[in-house]
Amino acid sequence: MDYKFIKMDYLNSVSEGDPEIIREILLIFKDQAVEISDEMNLRLSEKDYPLLAFLAHKAKSSVAIMGMDDLAALLKTFEIQAKEGNDHELYKSYITRFKADTDEAVKELEHYMNNL
């Protein structure tokens, strides 16, 4: 099956195809995605832009491991803008996109795991 959000080639190379390692990566990714999304929303409501920049950087690393290049690029933009305190009106859309894409990536990873 072709996946829209994750790239299994990279994940398989990192894990050497070991289902237990893939399962562990899935659980870590799932937990981090929820935690980061919740924290981003909190920091946005507090207008804590430096911490938003840090969270965008952290999120970028997580999604890059899954091969989510478009989202990683968006998070890089978010990181830079939040560091500089620019374009505040876009931050909510970045967080919403992060949440939606990572939710879909988790579904794809679960599908992959169920078919190993």
PDB file of N, CA and C in Angstrom:
ATOM      1  N   MET A   1       0.839  -1.185   0.000  1.00  0.00           N
ATOM      2  CA  MET A   1       0.000   0.000   0.000  1.00  0.00           C
ATOM      3  C   MET A   1       0.883   1.248   0.000  1.00  0.00           C
ATOM      4  N   ASP A   2       0.476   2.228  -0.777  1.00  0.00           N
ATOM      5  CA  ASP A   2       1.160   3.515  -0.761  1.00  0.00           C
ATOM      6  C   ASP A   2       0.589   4.360   0.359  1.00  0.00           C
ATOM      7  N   TYR A   3       1.473   4.945   1.127  1.00  0.00           N
ATOM      8  CA  TYR A   3       1.055   5.804   2.217  1.00  0.00           C
ATOM      9  C   TYR A   3       1.257   7.253   1.811  1.00  0.00           C
ATOM     10  N   LYS A   4       0.338   8.092   2.223  1.00  0.00           N
ATOM     11  CA  LYS A   4       0.386   9.502   1.858  1.00  0.00           C
ATOM     12  C   LYS A   4       1.295  10.299   2.799  1.00  0.00           C
ATOM     13  N   PHE A   5       1.365   9.912   4.063  1.00  0.00           N
ATOM     14  CA  PHE A   5       2.053  10.727   5.054  1.00  0.00           C
ATOM     15  C   PHE A   5       3.416  10.179   5.478  1.00  0.00           C
ATOM     16  N   ILE A   6       3.559   8.883   5.548  1.00  0.00           N
ATOM     17  CA  ILE A   6       4.819   8.302   6.008  1.00  0.00           C
ATOM     18  C   ILE A   6       5.566   7.659   4.845  1.00  0.00           C
ATOM     19  N   LYS A   7       6.870   7.552   5.020  1.00  0.00           N
ATOM     20  CA  LYS A   7       7.713   6.885   4.027  1.00  0.00           C
ATOM     21  C   LYS A   7       8.365   5.692   4.709  1.00  0.00           C
ATOM     22  N   MET A   8       7.859   4.530   4.398  1.00  0.00           N
ATOM     23  CA  MET A   8       8.319   3.318   5.065  1.00  0.00           C
ATOM     24  C   MET A   8       9.750   2.942   4.689  1.00  0.00           C
ATOM     25  N   ASP A   9      10.229   3.376   3.540  1.00  0.00           N
ATOM     26  CA  ASP A   9      11.611   3.060   3.151  1.00  0.00           C
ATOM     27  C   ASP A   9      12.585   3.552   4.211  1.00  0.00           C
ATOM     28  N   TYR A  10      12.411   4.795   4.612  1.00  0.00           N
ATOM     29  CA  TYR A  10      13.307   5.368   5.609  1.00  0.00           C
ATOM     30  C   TYR A  10      13.144   4.666   6.956  1.00  0.00           C
ATOM     31  N   LEU A  11      11.906   4.476   7.370  1.00  0.00           N
ATOM     32  CA  LEU A  11      11.638   3.823   8.653  1.00  0.00           C
ATOM     33  C   LEU A  11      12.193   2.397   8.673  1.00  0.00           C
ATOM     34  N   ASN A  12      12.042   1.690   7.562  1.00  0.00           N
ATOM     35  CA  ASN A  12      12.592   0.329   7.490  1.00  0.00           C
ATOM     36  C   ASN A  12      14.114   0.328   7.529  1.00  0.00           C
ATOM     37  N   SER A  13      14.740   1.325   6.920  1.00  0.00           N
ATOM     38  CA  SER A  13      16.204   1.369   6.950  1.00  0.00           C
ATOM     39  C   SER A  13      16.704   1.690   8.354  1.00  0.00           C
ATOM     40  N   VAL A  14      16.032   2.575   9.045  1.00  0.00           N
ATOM     41  CA  VAL A  14      16.419   2.931  10.410  1.00  0.00           C
ATOM     42  C   VAL A  14      16.227   1.748  11.353  1.00  0.00           C
ATOM     43  N   SER A  15      15.138   1.018  11.160  1.00  0.00           N
ATOM     44  CA  SER A  15      14.799  -0.091  12.059  1.00  0.00           C
ATOM     45  C   SER A  15      15.353  -1.431  11.581  1.00  0.00           C
ATOM     46  N   GLU A  16      15.953  -1.428  10.398  1.00  0.00           N
ATOM     47  CA  GLU A  16      16.402  -2.654   9.750  1.00  0.00           C
ATOM     48  C   GLU A  16      15.253  -3.645   9.592  1.00  0.00           C
ATOM     49  N   GLY A  17      14.031  -3.108   9.440  1.00  0.00           N
ATOM     50  CA  GLY A  17      12.846  -3.932   9.220  1.00  0.00           C
ATOM     51  C   GLY A  17      12.348  -4.672  10.448  1.00  0.00           C
ATOM     52  N   ASP A  18      12.917  -4.396  11.598  1.00  0.00           N
ATOM     53  CA  ASP A  18      12.524  -5.082  12.833  1.00  0.00           C
ATOM     54  C   ASP A  18      11.169  -4.563  13.315  1.00  0.00           C
ATOM     55  N   PRO A  19      10.139  -5.423  13.328  1.00  0.00           N
ATOM     56  CA  PRO A  19       8.798  -4.983  13.726  1.00  0.00           C
ATOM     57  C   PRO A  19       8.736  -4.409  15.140  1.00  0.00           C
ATOM     58  N   GLU A  20       9.551  -4.912  16.036  1.00  0.00           N
ATOM     59  CA  GLU A  20       9.544  -4.393  17.415  1.00  0.00           C
ATOM     60  C   GLU A  20      10.096  -2.973  17.473  1.00  0.00           C
ATOM     61  N   ILE A  21      11.121  -2.721  16.701  1.00  0.00           N
ATOM     62  CA  ILE A  21      11.678  -1.363  16.653  1.00  0.00           C
ATOM     63  C   ILE A  21      10.667  -0.418  16.002  1.00  0.00           C
ATOM     64  N   ILE A  22      10.037  -0.865  14.926  1.00  0.00           N
ATOM     65  CA  ILE A  22       9.012  -0.042  14.274  1.00  0.00           C
ATOM     66  C   ILE A  22       7.881   0.239  15.244  1.00  0.00           C
ATOM     67  N   ARG A  23       7.460  -0.763  15.984  1.00  0.00           N
ATOM     68  CA  ARG A  23       6.390  -0.599  16.973  1.00  0.00           C
ATOM     69  C   ARG A  23       6.794   0.438  18.031  1.00  0.00           C
ATOM     70  N   GLU A  24       8.031   0.371  18.488  1.00  0.00           N
ATOM     71  CA  GLU A  24       8.528   1.330  19.492  1.00  0.00           C
ATOM     72  C   GLU A  24       8.555   2.747  18.915  1.00  0.00           C
ATOM     73  N   ILE A  25       9.026   2.883  17.681  1.00  0.00           N
ATOM     74  CA  ILE A  25       9.051   4.190  17.016  1.00  0.00           C
ATOM     75  C   ILE A  25       7.629   4.737  16.895  1.00  0.00           C
ATOM     76  N   LEU A  26       6.691   3.873  16.522  1.00  0.00           N
ATOM     77  CA  LEU A  26       5.287   4.286  16.412  1.00  0.00           C
ATOM     78  C   LEU A  26       4.774   4.835  17.740  1.00  0.00           C
ATOM     79  N   LEU A  27       5.026   4.108  18.812  1.00  0.00           N
ATOM     80  CA  LEU A  27       4.525   4.542  20.125  1.00  0.00           C
ATOM     81  C   LEU A  27       5.152   5.867  20.551  1.00  0.00           C
ATOM     82  N   ILE A  28       6.440   6.011  20.339  1.00  0.00           N
ATOM     83  CA  ILE A  28       7.119   7.259  20.683  1.00  0.00           C
ATOM     84  C   ILE A  28       6.566   8.406  19.841  1.00  0.00           C
ATOM     85  N   PHE A  29       6.443   8.178  18.536  1.00  0.00           N
ATOM     86  CA  PHE A  29       5.932   9.211  17.635  1.00  0.00           C
ATOM     87  C   PHE A  29       4.521   9.633  18.043  1.00  0.00           C
ATOM     88  N   LYS A  30       3.674   8.660  18.303  1.00  0.00           N
ATOM     89  CA  LYS A  30       2.288   8.929  18.676  1.00  0.00           C
ATOM     90  C   LYS A  30       2.229   9.774  19.945  1.00  0.00           C
ATOM     91  N   ASP A  31       2.975   9.381  20.960  1.00  0.00           N
ATOM     92  CA  ASP A  31       2.987  10.129  22.225  1.00  0.00           C
ATOM     93  C   ASP A  31       3.542  11.532  22.036  1.00  0.00           C
ATOM     94  N   GLN A  32       4.639  11.646  21.296  1.00  0.00           N
ATOM     95  CA  GLN A  32       5.249  12.956  21.072  1.00  0.00           C
ATOM     96  C   GLN A  32       4.332  13.884  20.282  1.00  0.00           C
ATOM     97  N   ALA A  33       3.660  13.342  19.283  1.00  0.00           N
ATOM     98  CA  ALA A  33       2.793  14.175  18.444  1.00  0.00           C
ATOM     99  C   ALA A  33       1.673  14.793  19.276  1.00  0.00           C
ATOM    100  N   VAL A  34       1.052  14.000  20.126  1.00  0.00           N
ATOM    101  CA  VAL A  34      -0.025  14.506  20.980  1.00  0.00           C
ATOM    102  C   VAL A  34       0.526  15.531  21.970  1.00  0.00           C
ATOM    103  N   GLU A  35       1.635  15.190  22.603  1.00  0.00           N
ATOM    104  CA  GLU A  35       2.249  16.075  23.593  1.00  0.00           C
ATOM    105  C   GLU A  35       2.650  17.408  22.969  1.00  0.00           C
ATOM    106  N   ILE A  36       3.302  17.357  21.827  1.00  0.00           N
ATOM    107  CA  ILE A  36       3.765  18.582  21.163  1.00  0.00           C
ATOM    108  C   ILE A  36       2.576  19.430  20.718  1.00  0.00           C
ATOM    109  N   SER A  37       1.571  18.803  20.133  1.00  0.00           N
ATOM    110  CA  SER A  37       0.387  19.538  19.680  1.00  0.00           C
ATOM    111  C   SER A  37      -0.295  20.256  20.851  1.00  0.00           C
ATOM    112  N   ASP A  38      -0.497  19.543  21.939  1.00  0.00           N
ATOM    113  CA  ASP A  38      -1.121  20.147  23.122  1.00  0.00           C
ATOM    114  C   ASP A  38      -0.284  21.300  23.659  1.00  0.00           C
ATOM    115  N   GLU A  39       1.012  21.088  23.725  1.00  0.00           N
ATOM    116  CA  GLU A  39       1.914  22.119  24.242  1.00  0.00           C
ATOM    117  C   GLU A  39       1.954  23.336  23.317  1.00  0.00           C
ATOM    118  N   MET A  40       1.923  23.097  22.007  1.00  0.00           N
ATOM    119  CA  MET A  40       1.910  24.212  21.060  1.00  0.00           C
ATOM    120  C   MET A  40       0.658  25.072  21.255  1.00  0.00           C
ATOM    121  N   ASN A  41      -0.485  24.422  21.403  1.00  0.00           N
ATOM    122  CA  ASN A  41      -1.722  25.177  21.607  1.00  0.00           C
ATOM    123  C   ASN A  41      -1.678  26.000  22.887  1.00  0.00           C
ATOM    124  N   LEU A  42      -1.125  25.421  23.935  1.00  0.00           N
ATOM    125  CA  LEU A  42      -0.991  26.137  25.201  1.00  0.00           C
ATOM    126  C   LEU A  42      -0.072  27.341  25.037  1.00  0.00           C
ATOM    127  N   ARG A  43       1.083  27.115  24.432  1.00  0.00           N
ATOM    128  CA  ARG A  43       2.055  28.216  24.263  1.00  0.00           C
ATOM    129  C   ARG A  43       1.534  29.294  23.328  1.00  0.00           C
ATOM    130  N   LEU A  44       0.747  28.904  22.339  1.00  0.00           N
ATOM    131  CA  LEU A  44       0.146  29.900  21.454  1.00  0.00           C
ATOM    132  C   LEU A  44      -0.824  30.772  22.241  1.00  0.00           C
ATOM    133  N   SER A  45      -1.636  30.156  23.090  1.00  0.00           N
ATOM    134  CA  SER A  45      -2.607  30.933  23.877  1.00  0.00           C
ATOM    135  C   SER A  45      -1.900  31.884  24.840  1.00  0.00           C
ATOM    136  N   GLU A  46      -0.686  31.520  25.246  1.00  0.00           N
ATOM    137  CA  GLU A  46       0.106  32.370  26.143  1.00  0.00           C
ATOM    138  C   GLU A  46       1.015  33.337  25.379  1.00  0.00           C
ATOM    139  N   LYS A  47       0.993  33.231  24.064  1.00  0.00           N
ATOM    140  CA  LYS A  47       1.853  34.043  23.197  1.00  0.00           C
ATOM    141  C   LYS A  47       3.347  33.868  23.540  1.00  0.00           C
ATOM    142  N   ASP A  48       3.700  32.653  23.898  1.00  0.00           N
ATOM    143  CA  ASP A  48       5.086  32.316  24.219  1.00  0.00           C
ATOM    144  C   ASP A  48       5.775  31.856  22.930  1.00  0.00           C
ATOM    145  N   TYR A  49       6.155  32.827  22.102  1.00  0.00           N
ATOM    146  CA  TYR A  49       6.689  32.522  20.786  1.00  0.00           C
ATOM    147  C   TYR A  49       8.062  31.846  20.815  1.00  0.00           C
ATOM    148  N   PRO A  50       8.960  32.204  21.730  1.00  0.00           N
ATOM    149  CA  PRO A  50      10.237  31.470  21.766  1.00  0.00           C
ATOM    150  C   PRO A  50      10.045  29.972  22.057  1.00  0.00           C
ATOM    151  N   LEU A  51       9.125  29.647  22.950  1.00  0.00           N
ATOM    152  CA  LEU A  51       8.886  28.228  23.230  1.00  0.00           C
ATOM    153  C   LEU A  51       8.176  27.553  22.053  1.00  0.00           C
ATOM    154  N   LEU A  52       7.329  28.287  21.356  1.00  0.00           N
ATOM    155  CA  LEU A  52       6.715  27.739  20.136  1.00  0.00           C
ATOM    156  C   LEU A  52       7.790  27.400  19.109  1.00  0.00           C
ATOM    157  N   ALA A  53       8.792  28.261  18.986  1.00  0.00           N
ATOM    158  CA  ALA A  53       9.892  28.000  18.050  1.00  0.00           C
ATOM    159  C   ALA A  53      10.614  26.716  18.438  1.00  0.00           C
ATOM    160  N   PHE A  54      10.873  26.539  19.727  1.00  0.00           N
ATOM    161  CA  PHE A  54      11.523  25.324  20.210  1.00  0.00           C
ATOM    162  C   PHE A  54      10.670  24.091  19.905  1.00  0.00           C
ATOM    163  N   LEU A  55       9.366  24.183  20.155  1.00  0.00           N
ATOM    164  CA  LEU A  55       8.469  23.047  19.905  1.00  0.00           C
ATOM    165  C   LEU A  55       8.385  22.724  18.417  1.00  0.00           C
ATOM    166  N   ALA A  56       8.371  23.761  17.570  1.00  0.00           N
ATOM    167  CA  ALA A  56       8.359  23.528  16.123  1.00  0.00           C
ATOM    168  C   ALA A  56       9.633  22.797  15.701  1.00  0.00           C
ATOM    169  N   HIS A  57      10.754  23.170  16.297  1.00  0.00           N
ATOM    170  CA  HIS A  57      12.025  22.498  16.002  1.00  0.00           C
ATOM    171  C   HIS A  57      11.967  21.031  16.430  1.00  0.00           C
ATOM    172  N   LYS A  58      11.472  20.796  17.617  1.00  0.00           N
ATOM    173  CA  LYS A  58      11.342  19.430  18.138  1.00  0.00           C
ATOM    174  C   LYS A  58      10.400  18.599  17.259  1.00  0.00           C
ATOM    175  N   ALA A  59       9.278  19.191  16.876  1.00  0.00           N
ATOM    176  CA  ALA A  59       8.300  18.513  16.027  1.00  0.00           C
ATOM    177  C   ALA A  59       8.892  18.193  14.659  1.00  0.00           C
ATOM    178  N   LYS A  60       9.684  19.119  14.140  1.00  0.00           N
ATOM    179  CA  LYS A  60      10.315  18.931  12.826  1.00  0.00           C
ATOM    180  C   LYS A  60      11.180  17.678  12.825  1.00  0.00           C
ATOM    181  N   SER A  61      11.920  17.463  13.895  1.00  0.00           N
ATOM    182  CA  SER A  61      12.766  16.270  13.997  1.00  0.00           C
ATOM    183  C   SER A  61      11.931  14.997  14.011  1.00  0.00           C
ATOM    184  N   SER A  62      10.822  15.026  14.739  1.00  0.00           N
ATOM    185  CA  SER A  62       9.946  13.845  14.830  1.00  0.00           C
ATOM    186  C   SER A  62       9.343  13.486  13.479  1.00  0.00           C
ATOM    187  N   VAL A  63       8.840  14.473  12.769  1.00  0.00           N
ATOM    188  CA  VAL A  63       8.177  14.167  11.496  1.00  0.00           C
ATOM    189  C   VAL A  63       9.191  13.814  10.410  1.00  0.00           C
ATOM    190  N   ALA A  64      10.400  14.351  10.516  1.00  0.00           N
ATOM    191  CA  ALA A  64      11.430  14.026   9.528  1.00  0.00           C
ATOM    192  C   ALA A  64      11.771  12.539   9.575  1.00  0.00           C
ATOM    193  N   ILE A  65      11.775  11.956  10.772  1.00  0.00           N
ATOM    194  CA  ILE A  65      12.060  10.527  10.913  1.00  0.00           C
ATOM    195  C   ILE A  65      11.013   9.683  10.190  1.00  0.00           C
ATOM    196  N   MET A  66       9.794  10.185  10.114  1.00  0.00           N
ATOM    197  CA  MET A  66       8.709   9.479   9.436  1.00  0.00           C
ATOM    198  C   MET A  66       8.706   9.739   7.929  1.00  0.00           C
ATOM    199  N   GLY A  67       9.616  10.598   7.478  1.00  0.00           N
ATOM    200  CA  GLY A  67       9.669  10.914   6.060  1.00  0.00           C
ATOM    201  C   GLY A  67       8.641  11.942   5.632  1.00  0.00           C
ATOM    202  N   MET A  68       8.138  12.709   6.581  1.00  0.00           N
ATOM    203  CA  MET A  68       7.097  13.705   6.311  1.00  0.00           C
ATOM    204  C   MET A  68       7.771  15.034   5.935  1.00  0.00           C
ATOM    205  N   ASP A  69       8.355  15.056   4.744  1.00  0.00           N
ATOM    206  CA  ASP A  69       9.193  16.169   4.321  1.00  0.00           C
ATOM    207  C   ASP A  69       8.436  17.492   4.200  1.00  0.00           C
ATOM    208  N   ASP A  70       7.216  17.453   3.668  1.00  0.00           N
ATOM    209  CA  ASP A  70       6.444  18.692   3.512  1.00  0.00           C
ATOM    210  C   ASP A  70       6.121  19.311   4.866  1.00  0.00           C
ATOM    211  N   LEU A  71       5.717  18.472   5.811  1.00  0.00           N
ATOM    212  CA  LEU A  71       5.409  18.975   7.141  1.00  0.00           C
ATOM    213  C   LEU A  71       6.681  19.463   7.834  1.00  0.00           C
ATOM    214  N   ALA A  72       7.785  18.781   7.642  1.00  0.00           N
ATOM    215  CA  ALA A  72       9.060  19.219   8.224  1.00  0.00           C
ATOM    216  C   ALA A  72       9.433  20.609   7.698  1.00  0.00           C
ATOM    217  N   ALA A  73       9.230  20.838   6.417  1.00  0.00           N
ATOM    218  CA  ALA A  73       9.525  22.151   5.830  1.00  0.00           C
ATOM    219  C   ALA A  73       8.609  23.228   6.415  1.00  0.00           C
ATOM    220  N   LEU A  74       7.332  22.897   6.578  1.00  0.00           N
ATOM    221  CA  LEU A  74       6.386  23.845   7.172  1.00  0.00           C
ATOM    222  C   LEU A  74       6.793  24.179   8.612  1.00  0.00           C
ATOM    223  N   LEU A  75       7.210  23.157   9.353  1.00  0.00           N
ATOM    224  CA  LEU A  75       7.626  23.373  10.740  1.00  0.00           C
ATOM    225  C   LEU A  75       8.912  24.200  10.815  1.00  0.00           C
ATOM    226  N   LYS A  76       9.778  24.076   9.836  1.00  0.00           N
ATOM    227  CA  LYS A  76      10.986  24.904   9.774  1.00  0.00           C
ATOM    228  C   LYS A  76      10.584  26.369   9.605  1.00  0.00           C
ATOM    229  N   THR A  77       9.626  26.617   8.729  1.00  0.00           N
ATOM    230  CA  THR A  77       9.114  27.973   8.539  1.00  0.00           C
ATOM    231  C   THR A  77       8.507  28.495   9.832  1.00  0.00           C
ATOM    232  N   PHE A  78       7.701  27.661  10.473  1.00  0.00           N
ATOM    233  CA  PHE A  78       7.071  28.015  11.750  1.00  0.00           C
ATOM    234  C   PHE A  78       8.142  28.346  12.787  1.00  0.00           C
ATOM    235  N   GLU A  79       9.157  27.516  12.867  1.00  0.00           N
ATOM    236  CA  GLU A  79      10.239  27.740  13.828  1.00  0.00           C
ATOM    237  C   GLU A  79      10.883  29.107  13.627  1.00  0.00           C
ATOM    238  N   ILE A  80      11.221  29.418  12.395  1.00  0.00           N
ATOM    239  CA  ILE A  80      11.876  30.691  12.084  1.00  0.00           C
ATOM    240  C   ILE A  80      10.952  31.861  12.405  1.00  0.00           C
ATOM    241  N   GLN A  81       9.699  31.768  11.975  1.00  0.00           N
ATOM    242  CA  GLN A  81       8.760  32.854  12.228  1.00  0.00           C
ATOM    243  C   GLN A  81       8.535  33.069  13.723  1.00  0.00           C
ATOM    244  N   ALA A  82       8.390  31.978  14.470  1.00  0.00           N
ATOM    245  CA  ALA A  82       8.164  32.098  15.911  1.00  0.00           C
ATOM    246  C   ALA A  82       9.403  32.670  16.606  1.00  0.00           C
ATOM    247  N   LYS A  83      10.592  32.271  16.169  1.00  0.00           N
ATOM    248  CA  LYS A  83      11.834  32.815  16.735  1.00  0.00           C
ATOM    249  C   LYS A  83      11.892  34.326  16.551  1.00  0.00           C
ATOM    250  N   GLU A  84      11.465  34.749  15.360  1.00  0.00           N
ATOM    251  CA  GLU A  84      11.510  36.174  15.035  1.00  0.00           C
ATOM    252  C   GLU A  84      10.261  36.912  15.513  1.00  0.00           C
ATOM    253  N   GLY A  85       9.242  36.158  15.928  1.00  0.00           N
ATOM    254  CA  GLY A  85       7.990  36.769  16.374  1.00  0.00           C
ATOM    255  C   GLY A  85       7.169  37.342  15.230  1.00  0.00           C
ATOM    256  N   ASN A  86       7.333  36.780  14.038  1.00  0.00           N
ATOM    257  CA  ASN A  86       6.637  37.276  12.844  1.00  0.00           C
ATOM    258  C   ASN A  86       5.426  36.407  12.488  1.00  0.00           C
ATOM    259  N   ASP A  87       4.475  37.011  11.800  1.00  0.00           N
ATOM    260  CA  ASP A  87       3.344  36.304  11.197  1.00  0.00           C
ATOM    261  C   ASP A  87       2.533  35.482  12.200  1.00  0.00           C
ATOM    262  N   HIS A  88       2.244  36.054  13.352  1.00  0.00           N
ATOM    263  CA  HIS A  88       1.492  35.360  14.420  1.00  0.00           C
ATOM    264  C   HIS A  88       0.188  34.756  13.925  1.00  0.00           C
ATOM    265  N   GLU A  89      -0.430  35.413  12.961  1.00  0.00           N
ATOM    266  CA  GLU A  89      -1.735  34.953  12.479  1.00  0.00           C
ATOM    267  C   GLU A  89      -1.667  33.584  11.792  1.00  0.00           C
ATOM    268  N   LEU A  90      -0.480  33.138  11.432  1.00  0.00           N
ATOM    269  CA  LEU A  90      -0.317  31.842  10.756  1.00  0.00           C
ATOM    270  C   LEU A  90      -0.081  30.687  11.726  1.00  0.00           C
ATOM    271  N   TYR A  91       0.279  30.977  12.951  1.00  0.00           N
ATOM    272  CA  TYR A  91       0.697  29.935  13.885  1.00  0.00           C
ATOM    273  C   TYR A  91      -0.387  28.888  14.127  1.00  0.00           C
ATOM    274  N   LYS A  92      -1.610  29.331  14.299  1.00  0.00           N
ATOM    275  CA  LYS A  92      -2.704  28.382  14.565  1.00  0.00           C
ATOM    276  C   LYS A  92      -2.859  27.408  13.401  1.00  0.00           C
ATOM    277  N   SER A  93      -2.736  27.906  12.178  1.00  0.00           N
ATOM    278  CA  SER A  93      -2.870  27.021  11.016  1.00  0.00           C
ATOM    279  C   SER A  93      -1.722  26.007  10.963  1.00  0.00           C
ATOM    280  N   TYR A  94      -0.527  26.408  11.370  1.00  0.00           N
ATOM    281  CA  TYR A  94       0.601  25.475  11.408  1.00  0.00           C
ATOM    282  C   TYR A  94       0.344  24.359  12.421  1.00  0.00           C
ATOM    283  N   ILE A  95      -0.159  24.747  13.584  1.00  0.00           N
ATOM    284  CA  ILE A  95      -0.434  23.762  14.634  1.00  0.00           C
ATOM    285  C   ILE A  95      -1.548  22.817  14.198  1.00  0.00           C
ATOM    286  N   THR A  96      -2.572  23.365  13.575  1.00  0.00           N
ATOM    287  CA  THR A  96      -3.679  22.543  13.075  1.00  0.00           C
ATOM    288  C   THR A  96      -3.185  21.556  12.030  1.00  0.00           C
ATOM    289  N   ARG A  97      -2.337  22.005  11.137  1.00  0.00           N
ATOM    290  CA  ARG A  97      -1.773  21.125  10.104  1.00  0.00           C
ATOM    291  C   ARG A  97      -0.906  20.039  10.739  1.00  0.00           C
ATOM    292  N   PHE A  98      -0.080  20.424  11.716  1.00  0.00           N
ATOM    293  CA  PHE A  98       0.747  19.440  12.409  1.00  0.00           C
ATOM    294  C   PHE A  98      -0.119  18.351  13.026  1.00  0.00           C
ATOM    295  N   LYS A  99      -1.175  18.745  13.711  1.00  0.00           N
ATOM    296  CA  LYS A  99      -2.072  17.791  14.378  1.00  0.00           C
ATOM    297  C   LYS A  99      -2.741  16.887  13.344  1.00  0.00           C
ATOM    298  N   ALA A 100      -3.289  17.459  12.294  1.00  0.00           N
ATOM    299  CA  ALA A 100      -3.992  16.671  11.277  1.00  0.00           C
ATOM    300  C   ALA A 100      -3.052  15.682  10.583  1.00  0.00           C
ATOM    301  N   ASP A 101      -1.884  16.156  10.188  1.00  0.00           N
ATOM    302  CA  ASP A 101      -0.943  15.282   9.465  1.00  0.00           C
ATOM    303  C   ASP A 101      -0.389  14.189  10.360  1.00  0.00           C
ATOM    304  N   THR A 102      -0.066  14.512  11.602  1.00  0.00           N
ATOM    305  CA  THR A 102       0.465  13.472  12.490  1.00  0.00           C
ATOM    306  C   THR A 102      -0.616  12.466  12.867  1.00  0.00           C
ATOM    307  N   ASP A 103      -1.859  12.918  12.998  1.00  0.00           N
ATOM    308  CA  ASP A 103      -2.956  11.967  13.238  1.00  0.00           C
ATOM    309  C   ASP A 103      -3.060  10.967  12.086  1.00  0.00           C
ATOM    310  N   GLU A 104      -2.971  11.471  10.866  1.00  0.00           N
ATOM    311  CA  GLU A 104      -3.045  10.596   9.693  1.00  0.00           C
ATOM    312  C   GLU A 104      -1.819   9.684   9.607  1.00  0.00           C
ATOM    313  N   ALA A 105      -0.655  10.207   9.956  1.00  0.00           N
ATOM    314  CA  ALA A 105       0.561   9.396   9.946  1.00  0.00           C
ATOM    315  C   ALA A 105       0.448   8.243  10.948  1.00  0.00           C
ATOM    316  N   VAL A 106      -0.120   8.526  12.107  1.00  0.00           N
ATOM    317  CA  VAL A 106      -0.305   7.473  13.114  1.00  0.00           C
ATOM    318  C   VAL A 106      -1.245   6.397  12.572  1.00  0.00           C
ATOM    319  N   LYS A 107      -2.304   6.797  11.890  1.00  0.00           N
ATOM    320  CA  LYS A 107      -3.221   5.810  11.290  1.00  0.00           C
ATOM    321  C   LYS A 107      -2.486   4.942  10.283  1.00  0.00           C
ATOM    322  N   GLU A 108      -1.651   5.572   9.460  1.00  0.00           N
ATOM    323  CA  GLU A 108      -0.889   4.804   8.478  1.00  0.00           C
ATOM    324  C   GLU A 108       0.088   3.862   9.159  1.00  0.00           C
ATOM    325  N   LEU A 109       0.756   4.317  10.193  1.00  0.00           N
ATOM    326  CA  LEU A 109       1.692   3.459  10.926  1.00  0.00           C
ATOM    327  C   LEU A 109       0.976   2.298  11.576  1.00  0.00           C
ATOM    328  N   GLU A 110      -0.195   2.540  12.138  1.00  0.00           N
ATOM    329  CA  GLU A 110      -0.963   1.460  12.736  1.00  0.00           C
ATOM    330  C   GLU A 110      -1.389   0.449  11.685  1.00  0.00           C
ATOM    331  N   HIS A 111      -1.791   0.941  10.512  1.00  0.00           N
ATOM    332  CA  HIS A 111      -2.153   0.045   9.404  1.00  0.00           C
ATOM    333  C   HIS A 111      -0.952  -0.812   9.022  1.00  0.00           C
ATOM    334  N   TYR A 112       0.195  -0.174   8.895  1.00  0.00           N
ATOM    335  CA  TYR A 112       1.413  -0.893   8.544  1.00  0.00           C
ATOM    336  C   TYR A 112       1.716  -1.968   9.589  1.00  0.00           C
ATOM    337  N   MET A 113       1.637  -1.595  10.853  1.00  0.00           N
ATOM    338  CA  MET A 113       1.926  -2.542  11.935  1.00  0.00           C
ATOM    339  C   MET A 113       0.958  -3.719  11.929  1.00  0.00           C
ATOM    340  N   ASN A 114      -0.306  -3.456  11.648  1.00  0.00           N
ATOM    341  CA  ASN A 114      -1.306  -4.524  11.633  1.00  0.00           C
ATOM    342  C   ASN A 114      -1.131  -5.477  10.460  1.00  0.00           C
ATOM    343  N   ASN A 115      -0.344  -5.059   9.472  1.00  0.00           N
ATOM    344  CA  ASN A 115      -0.149  -5.901   8.293  1.00  0.00           C
ATOM    345  C   ASN A 115       1.251  -6.480   8.190  1.00  0.00           C
ATOM    346  N   LEU A 116       2.010  -6.394   9.266  1.00  0.00           N
ATOM    347  CA  LEU A 116       3.359  -6.998   9.256  1.00  0.00           C
ATOM    348  C   LEU A 116       3.254  -8.507   9.334  1.00  0.00           C
TER     349      LEU A 116
END
